[in-house]
Amino acid sequence: MHDLTLRNGFQDTSPCPSKTGLGSQADHPAVAHPVPVSGQSDRDAHVLLMQWARWNHRCNALLWHEEDLARRTRVPDAEIAASKRAIDRYNQQRNDAVERMDDLITEALQHAGAPMADDTPLHSETPGAMIDRLSILALKIQAMTAQTVRDDVDPAHRAECRRRAAVLTQQREDLMGCLSRLMRDLHAGRVRFKLYRQYKMYNDPTLNPALVAEARQGDD
């Protein structure tokens, strides 16, 4: 099961779909809580994990798109505000997907009987977080590669973007190797990771001080 997360690796750098082609909320994996994989085949566990990985990648792509839009300087403020709110929403969904992937990997390790002693060295980064980073690197490579074929820039710009795309590609290959090694070590019980929760406060109206103050003003 150590290759559970490694059969895709976000190696595809073909152009990312447009915002309208990235699917809808209906594509969200129908999982409200961590789903145990005990009793399921390794293939079923892999399918469920990949559903969450694709959802994470979708959120990252939409997040990237909105980050671009939010940096425009010649549009009404309302459009920038709409992009900022979309960024918050997609970032929350992205982090939720990372947690779901880590839940599933933990369940799969338990189902496989991987040793999990409390005194095993703790790995600081979870597999889900590394999969998220692979997704972002794929988006960076795609965007940087697109710069290398622009006909409205000088050759120096295209050459520099080719150099940067090569660096990003190497970073992705290195990270994939690190993830592969981590999964082998987890399966063998040489390392462990903890299921951390992000607890994003800015989207919670009961925890964000500005939203709390706004609500109080509305009650007055």
C-alpha atoms as a PDB file:
ATOM      1  CA  MET A   1       0.000   0.000   0.000  1.00  0.00           C
ATOM      2  CA  HIS A   2       3.069   2.234   0.160  1.00  0.00           C
ATOM      3  CA  ASP A   3       2.432   3.386  -3.428  1.00  0.00           C
ATOM      4  CA  LEU A   4      -1.139   4.439  -2.622  1.00  0.00           C
ATOM      5  CA  THR A   5      -0.456   8.123  -3.293  1.00  0.00           C
ATOM      6  CA  LEU A   6       2.066   7.719  -6.064  1.00  0.00           C
ATOM      7  CA  ARG A   7       0.262   6.457  -9.134  1.00  0.00           C
ATOM      8  CA  ASN A   8      -0.490   9.973 -10.380  1.00  0.00           C
ATOM      9  CA  GLY A   9       1.914  12.459  -8.813  1.00  0.00           C
ATOM     10  CA  PHE A  10       0.429  15.377 -10.820  1.00  0.00           C
ATOM     11  CA  GLN A  11       2.930  14.865 -13.609  1.00  0.00           C
ATOM     12  CA  ASP A  12       0.509  16.094 -16.271  1.00  0.00           C
ATOM     13  CA  THR A  13       1.473  19.628 -17.273  1.00  0.00           C
ATOM     14  CA  SER A  14      -1.036  19.984 -20.080  1.00  0.00           C
ATOM     15  CA  PRO A  15      -2.930  23.292 -19.983  1.00  0.00           C
ATOM     16  CA  CYS A  16      -5.152  23.528 -16.941  1.00  0.00           C
ATOM     17  CA  PRO A  17      -8.877  23.673 -17.689  1.00  0.00           C
ATOM     18  CA  SER A  18     -10.632  27.002 -17.617  1.00  0.00           C
ATOM     19  CA  LYS A  19     -12.562  28.067 -14.575  1.00  0.00           C
ATOM     20  CA  THR A  20     -15.798  26.846 -16.143  1.00  0.00           C
ATOM     21  CA  GLY A  21     -14.198  23.537 -17.120  1.00  0.00           C
ATOM     22  CA  LEU A  22     -12.991  22.566 -13.671  1.00  0.00           C
ATOM     23  CA  GLY A  23     -16.192  20.964 -12.536  1.00  0.00           C
ATOM     24  CA  SER A  24     -18.739  22.097  -9.998  1.00  0.00           C
ATOM     25  CA  GLN A  25     -19.618  21.596  -6.360  1.00  0.00           C
ATOM     26  CA  ALA A  26     -21.389  18.429  -7.486  1.00  0.00           C
ATOM     27  CA  ASP A  27     -17.947  16.936  -8.167  1.00  0.00           C
ATOM     28  CA  HIS A  28     -17.000  17.248  -4.504  1.00  0.00           C
ATOM     29  CA  PRO A  29     -16.308  13.824  -2.979  1.00  0.00           C
ATOM     30  CA  ALA A  30     -19.347  12.895  -0.909  1.00  0.00           C
ATOM     31  CA  VAL A  31     -17.370  12.602   2.316  1.00  0.00           C
ATOM     32  CA  ALA A  32     -18.311  14.574   5.400  1.00  0.00           C
ATOM     33  CA  HIS A  33     -16.089  12.661   7.824  1.00  0.00           C
ATOM     34  CA  PRO A  34     -12.966  10.502   7.590  1.00  0.00           C
ATOM     35  CA  VAL A  35     -13.910   7.362   5.672  1.00  0.00           C
ATOM     36  CA  PRO A  36     -12.439   4.105   6.955  1.00  0.00           C
ATOM     37  CA  VAL A  37     -10.896   1.925   4.286  1.00  0.00           C
ATOM     38  CA  SER A  38     -10.904  -1.215   6.410  1.00  0.00           C
ATOM     39  CA  GLY A  39     -12.867  -3.836   4.527  1.00  0.00           C
ATOM     40  CA  GLN A  40     -12.217  -2.093   1.218  1.00  0.00           C
ATOM     41  CA  SER A  41      -9.737  -3.228  -1.381  1.00  0.00           C
ATOM     42  CA  ASP A  42      -6.529  -1.297  -1.920  1.00  0.00           C
ATOM     43  CA  ARG A  43      -7.960  -0.263  -5.283  1.00  0.00           C
ATOM     44  CA  ASP A  44     -11.087   1.218  -3.651  1.00  0.00           C
ATOM     45  CA  ALA A  45      -8.945   3.090  -1.140  1.00  0.00           C
ATOM     46  CA  HIS A  46      -6.777   4.434  -3.951  1.00  0.00           C
ATOM     47  CA  VAL A  47      -9.843   5.567  -5.932  1.00  0.00           C
ATOM     48  CA  LEU A  48     -11.227   7.465  -2.944  1.00  0.00           C
ATOM     49  CA  LEU A  49      -7.862   9.042  -2.209  1.00  0.00           C
ATOM     50  CA  MET A  50      -7.501  10.137  -5.830  1.00  0.00           C
ATOM     51  CA  GLN A  51     -10.967  11.697  -5.743  1.00  0.00           C
ATOM     52  CA  TRP A  52      -9.800  13.923  -2.910  1.00  0.00           C
ATOM     53  CA  ALA A  53      -6.465  14.593  -4.652  1.00  0.00           C
ATOM     54  CA  ARG A  54      -8.320  15.719  -7.781  1.00  0.00           C
ATOM     55  CA  TRP A  55     -10.640  17.884  -5.693  1.00  0.00           C
ATOM     56  CA  ASN A  56      -7.593  19.445  -4.023  1.00  0.00           C
ATOM     57  CA  HIS A  57      -6.060  20.080  -7.457  1.00  0.00           C
ATOM     58  CA  ARG A  58      -9.313  21.634  -8.688  1.00  0.00           C
ATOM     59  CA  CYS A  59      -9.363  23.997  -5.697  1.00  0.00           C
ATOM     60  CA  ASN A  60      -5.728  24.945  -6.280  1.00  0.00           C
ATOM     61  CA  ALA A  61      -6.423  25.690  -9.959  1.00  0.00           C
ATOM     62  CA  LEU A  62      -9.427  27.858  -9.102  1.00  0.00           C
ATOM     63  CA  LEU A  63      -7.421  29.527  -6.357  1.00  0.00           C
ATOM     64  CA  TRP A  64      -4.643  30.313  -8.853  1.00  0.00           C
ATOM     65  CA  HIS A  65      -7.193  31.833 -11.257  1.00  0.00           C
ATOM     66  CA  GLU A  66      -8.718  34.048  -8.578  1.00  0.00           C
ATOM     67  CA  GLU A  67      -5.285  35.147  -7.334  1.00  0.00           C
ATOM     68  CA  ASP A  68      -4.570  36.412 -10.863  1.00  0.00           C
ATOM     69  CA  LEU A  69      -7.890  38.249 -11.016  1.00  0.00           C
ATOM     70  CA  ALA A  70      -7.413  39.827  -7.578  1.00  0.00           C
ATOM     71  CA  ARG A  71      -4.265  41.603  -8.794  1.00  0.00           C
ATOM     72  CA  ARG A  72      -5.999  43.569 -11.521  1.00  0.00           C
ATOM     73  CA  THR A  73      -5.814  47.357 -11.123  1.00  0.00           C
ATOM     74  CA  ARG A  74      -8.369  48.622 -13.652  1.00  0.00           C
ATOM     75  CA  VAL A  75     -11.573  46.977 -12.462  1.00  0.00           C
ATOM     76  CA  PRO A  76     -14.190  48.022  -9.880  1.00  0.00           C
ATOM     77  CA  ASP A  77     -13.363  47.332  -6.247  1.00  0.00           C
ATOM     78  CA  ALA A  78     -16.357  44.995  -6.071  1.00  0.00           C
ATOM     79  CA  GLU A  79     -14.669  42.591  -8.495  1.00  0.00           C
ATOM     80  CA  ILE A  80     -11.510  42.496  -6.378  1.00  0.00           C
ATOM     81  CA  ALA A  81     -13.597  41.877  -3.262  1.00  0.00           C
ATOM     82  CA  ALA A  82     -15.411  39.022  -5.022  1.00  0.00           C
ATOM     83  CA  SER A  83     -12.091  37.439  -5.953  1.00  0.00           C
ATOM     84  CA  LYS A  84     -10.795  37.782  -2.395  1.00  0.00           C
ATOM     85  CA  ARG A  85     -13.868  36.000  -1.049  1.00  0.00           C
ATOM     86  CA  ALA A  86     -13.469  33.267  -3.642  1.00  0.00           C
ATOM     87  CA  ILE A  87      -9.818  32.892  -2.612  1.00  0.00           C
ATOM     88  CA  ASP A  88     -10.887  32.339   1.002  1.00  0.00           C
ATOM     89  CA  ARG A  89     -13.465  29.754  -0.066  1.00  0.00           C
ATOM     90  CA  TYR A  90     -11.152  27.760  -2.315  1.00  0.00           C
ATOM     91  CA  ASN A  91      -8.323  27.894   0.207  1.00  0.00           C
ATOM     92  CA  GLN A  92     -10.609  26.453   2.879  1.00  0.00           C
ATOM     93  CA  GLN A  93     -11.722  23.660   0.539  1.00  0.00           C
ATOM     94  CA  ARG A  94      -8.118  22.985  -0.443  1.00  0.00           C
ATOM     95  CA  ASN A  95      -7.072  22.571   3.192  1.00  0.00           C
ATOM     96  CA  ASP A  96     -10.109  20.399   3.928  1.00  0.00           C
ATOM     97  CA  ALA A  97      -9.038  18.097   1.090  1.00  0.00           C
ATOM     98  CA  VAL A  98      -5.511  17.814   2.530  1.00  0.00           C
ATOM     99  CA  GLU A  99      -6.980  16.700   5.854  1.00  0.00           C
ATOM    100  CA  ARG A 100      -9.239  14.144   4.147  1.00  0.00           C
ATOM    101  CA  MET A 101      -6.282  12.673   2.262  1.00  0.00           C
ATOM    102  CA  ASP A 102      -4.318  12.324   5.490  1.00  0.00           C
ATOM    103  CA  ASP A 103      -7.341  10.689   7.156  1.00  0.00           C
ATOM    104  CA  LEU A 104      -7.542   8.131   4.354  1.00  0.00           C
ATOM    105  CA  ILE A 105      -3.814   7.411   4.359  1.00  0.00           C
ATOM    106  CA  THR A 106      -3.881   6.879   8.126  1.00  0.00           C
ATOM    107  CA  GLU A 107      -6.788   4.450   7.785  1.00  0.00           C
ATOM    108  CA  ALA A 108      -5.002   2.616   4.971  1.00  0.00           C
ATOM    109  CA  LEU A 109      -1.824   2.279   7.029  1.00  0.00           C
ATOM    110  CA  GLN A 110      -3.825   0.876   9.934  1.00  0.00           C
ATOM    111  CA  HIS A 111      -5.634  -1.543   7.620  1.00  0.00           C
ATOM    112  CA  ALA A 112      -2.273  -2.690   6.229  1.00  0.00           C
ATOM    113  CA  GLY A 113      -0.972  -3.334   9.747  1.00  0.00           C
ATOM    114  CA  ALA A 114       1.835  -0.773   9.512  1.00  0.00           C
ATOM    115  CA  PRO A 115       3.680  -0.376  12.847  1.00  0.00           C
ATOM    116  CA  MET A 116       2.703   2.858  14.633  1.00  0.00           C
ATOM    117  CA  ALA A 117       4.661   3.085  17.887  1.00  0.00           C
ATOM    118  CA  ASP A 118       4.428   6.350  19.822  1.00  0.00           C
ATOM    119  CA  ASP A 119       8.213   6.610  20.036  1.00  0.00           C
ATOM    120  CA  THR A 120       8.670   6.358  16.258  1.00  0.00           C
ATOM    121  CA  PRO A 121      10.307   9.518  14.826  1.00  0.00           C
ATOM    122  CA  LEU A 122       7.693  12.081  13.808  1.00  0.00           C
ATOM    123  CA  HIS A 123       7.714  13.411  10.224  1.00  0.00           C
ATOM    124  CA  SER A 124       6.965  17.144  10.221  1.00  0.00           C
ATOM    125  CA  GLU A 125       5.005  17.169   6.941  1.00  0.00           C
ATOM    126  CA  THR A 126       2.029  14.958   6.180  1.00  0.00           C
ATOM    127  CA  PRO A 127       1.560  13.052   2.905  1.00  0.00           C
ATOM    128  CA  GLY A 128      -1.535  15.136   2.160  1.00  0.00           C
ATOM    129  CA  ALA A 129       0.457  18.352   2.474  1.00  0.00           C
ATOM    130  CA  MET A 130       3.074  16.980   0.075  1.00  0.00           C
ATOM    131  CA  ILE A 131       0.389  15.991  -2.442  1.00  0.00           C
ATOM    132  CA  ASP A 132      -0.948  19.551  -2.174  1.00  0.00           C
ATOM    133  CA  ARG A 133       2.533  20.894  -2.926  1.00  0.00           C
ATOM    134  CA  LEU A 134       2.797  18.605  -5.971  1.00  0.00           C
ATOM    135  CA  SER A 135      -0.485  20.043  -7.215  1.00  0.00           C
ATOM    136  CA  ILE A 136       0.795  23.606  -6.861  1.00  0.00           C
ATOM    137  CA  LEU A 137       4.061  22.725  -8.590  1.00  0.00           C
ATOM    138  CA  ALA A 138       2.113  21.267 -11.527  1.00  0.00           C
ATOM    139  CA  LEU A 139       0.214  24.542 -11.844  1.00  0.00           C
ATOM    140  CA  LYS A 140       3.449  26.538 -11.658  1.00  0.00           C
ATOM    141  CA  ILE A 141       5.076  24.403 -14.352  1.00  0.00           C
ATOM    142  CA  GLN A 142       2.051  24.755 -16.624  1.00  0.00           C
ATOM    143  CA  ALA A 143       1.939  28.537 -16.177  1.00  0.00           C
ATOM    144  CA  MET A 144       5.686  28.988 -16.621  1.00  0.00           C
ATOM    145  CA  THR A 145       5.732  26.758 -19.702  1.00  0.00           C
ATOM    146  CA  ALA A 146       2.969  28.869 -21.248  1.00  0.00           C
ATOM    147  CA  GLN A 147       5.295  31.867 -20.956  1.00  0.00           C
ATOM    148  CA  THR A 148       7.893  30.132 -23.133  1.00  0.00           C
ATOM    149  CA  VAL A 149       5.647  30.193 -26.207  1.00  0.00           C
ATOM    150  CA  ARG A 150       4.400  33.773 -25.994  1.00  0.00           C
ATOM    151  CA  ASP A 151       4.958  35.765 -29.181  1.00  0.00           C
ATOM    152  CA  ASP A 152       4.501  39.178 -27.526  1.00  0.00           C
ATOM    153  CA  VAL A 153       7.700  39.037 -25.447  1.00  0.00           C
ATOM    154  CA  ASP A 154      11.390  39.101 -26.295  1.00  0.00           C
ATOM    155  CA  PRO A 155      13.580  35.978 -26.545  1.00  0.00           C
ATOM    156  CA  ALA A 156      15.235  36.753 -23.191  1.00  0.00           C
ATOM    157  CA  HIS A 157      11.853  36.495 -21.439  1.00  0.00           C
ATOM    158  CA  ARG A 158      11.130  33.128 -23.035  1.00  0.00           C
ATOM    159  CA  ALA A 159      14.621  31.830 -22.226  1.00  0.00           C
ATOM    160  CA  GLU A 160      14.338  32.858 -18.574  1.00  0.00           C
ATOM    161  CA  CYS A 161      10.939  31.172 -18.295  1.00  0.00           C
ATOM    162  CA  ARG A 162      12.365  27.971 -19.797  1.00  0.00           C
ATOM    163  CA  ARG A 163      15.086  28.043 -17.152  1.00  0.00           C
ATOM    164  CA  ARG A 164      12.536  28.558 -14.386  1.00  0.00           C
ATOM    165  CA  ALA A 165      10.283  25.789 -15.747  1.00  0.00           C
ATOM    166  CA  ALA A 166      13.247  23.407 -15.622  1.00  0.00           C
ATOM    167  CA  VAL A 167      13.928  24.355 -11.993  1.00  0.00           C
ATOM    168  CA  LEU A 168      10.276  23.820 -11.078  1.00  0.00           C
ATOM    169  CA  THR A 169      10.266  20.457 -12.838  1.00  0.00           C
ATOM    170  CA  GLN A 170      13.301  19.370 -10.833  1.00  0.00           C
ATOM    171  CA  GLN A 171      11.610  20.529  -7.639  1.00  0.00           C
ATOM    172  CA  ARG A 172       8.592  18.390  -8.509  1.00  0.00           C
ATOM    173  CA  GLU A 173      10.739  15.339  -9.217  1.00  0.00           C
ATOM    174  CA  ASP A 174      12.567  15.803  -5.912  1.00  0.00           C
ATOM    175  CA  LEU A 175       9.297  16.171  -4.014  1.00  0.00           C
ATOM    176  CA  MET A 176       7.839  13.075  -5.645  1.00  0.00           C
ATOM    177  CA  GLY A 177      10.911  11.164  -4.507  1.00  0.00           C
ATOM    178  CA  CYS A 178      10.478  12.481  -0.974  1.00  0.00           C
ATOM    179  CA  LEU A 179       6.814  11.475  -0.935  1.00  0.00           C
ATOM    180  CA  SER A 180       7.643   8.000  -2.236  1.00  0.00           C
ATOM    181  CA  ARG A 181      10.271   7.557   0.447  1.00  0.00           C
ATOM    182  CA  LEU A 182       7.909   8.836   3.152  1.00  0.00           C
ATOM    183  CA  MET A 183       5.207   6.348   2.140  1.00  0.00           C
ATOM    184  CA  ARG A 184       7.706   3.474   2.234  1.00  0.00           C
ATOM    185  CA  ASP A 185       8.939   4.587   5.665  1.00  0.00           C
ATOM    186  CA  LEU A 186       5.390   4.926   6.984  1.00  0.00           C
ATOM    187  CA  HIS A 187       4.504   1.461   5.748  1.00  0.00           C
ATOM    188  CA  ALA A 188       7.615   0.014   7.388  1.00  0.00           C
ATOM    189  CA  GLY A 189       7.014   1.886  10.656  1.00  0.00           C
ATOM    190  CA  ARG A 190      10.262   3.865  10.424  1.00  0.00           C
ATOM    191  CA  VAL A 191       8.428   7.208  10.740  1.00  0.00           C
ATOM    192  CA  ARG A 192       4.968   8.424  11.637  1.00  0.00           C
ATOM    193  CA  PHE A 193       2.897  11.567  11.109  1.00  0.00           C
ATOM    194  CA  LYS A 194       0.086  13.196  13.030  1.00  0.00           C
ATOM    195  CA  LEU A 195      -3.292  14.298  11.744  1.00  0.00           C
ATOM    196  CA  TYR A 196      -3.118  18.044  12.259  1.00  0.00           C
ATOM    197  CA  ARG A 197      -6.128  20.310  11.758  1.00  0.00           C
ATOM    198  CA  GLN A 198      -5.741  23.729  10.180  1.00  0.00           C
ATOM    199  CA  TYR A 199      -8.500  25.451  12.186  1.00  0.00           C
ATOM    200  CA  LYS A 200      -8.744  28.366   9.776  1.00  0.00           C
ATOM    201  CA  MET A 201     -10.176  31.197  11.846  1.00  0.00           C
ATOM    202  CA  TYR A 202     -10.777  33.886   9.250  1.00  0.00           C
ATOM    203  CA  ASN A 203     -13.723  32.050   7.656  1.00  0.00           C
ATOM    204  CA  ASP A 204     -15.434  31.364  11.000  1.00  0.00           C
ATOM    205  CA  PRO A 205     -17.845  34.157  12.035  1.00  0.00           C
ATOM    206  CA  THR A 206     -17.442  33.109  15.687  1.00  0.00           C
ATOM    207  CA  LEU A 207     -13.611  33.298  15.635  1.00  0.00           C
ATOM    208  CA  ASN A 208     -12.758  36.134  13.230  1.00  0.00           C
ATOM    209  CA  PRO A 209     -12.619  39.314  15.413  1.00  0.00           C
ATOM    210  CA  ALA A 210     -13.666  41.557  12.512  1.00  0.00           C
ATOM    211  CA  LEU A 211     -16.708  39.400  11.748  1.00  0.00           C
ATOM    212  CA  VAL A 212     -17.629  39.192  15.433  1.00  0.00           C
ATOM    213  CA  ALA A 213     -17.461  43.005  15.716  1.00  0.00           C
ATOM    214  CA  GLU A 214     -19.506  43.410  12.524  1.00  0.00           C
ATOM    215  CA  ALA A 215     -22.190  41.058  13.841  1.00  0.00           C
ATOM    216  CA  ARG A 216     -22.386  42.990  17.102  1.00  0.00           C
ATOM    217  CA  GLN A 217     -22.841  46.257  15.217  1.00  0.00           C
ATOM    218  CA  GLY A 218     -25.660  44.675  13.249  1.00  0.00           C
ATOM    219  CA  ASP A 219     -27.385  43.646  16.475  1.00  0.00           C
ATOM    220  CA  ASP A 220     -27.302  47.184  17.874  1.00  0.00           C
END
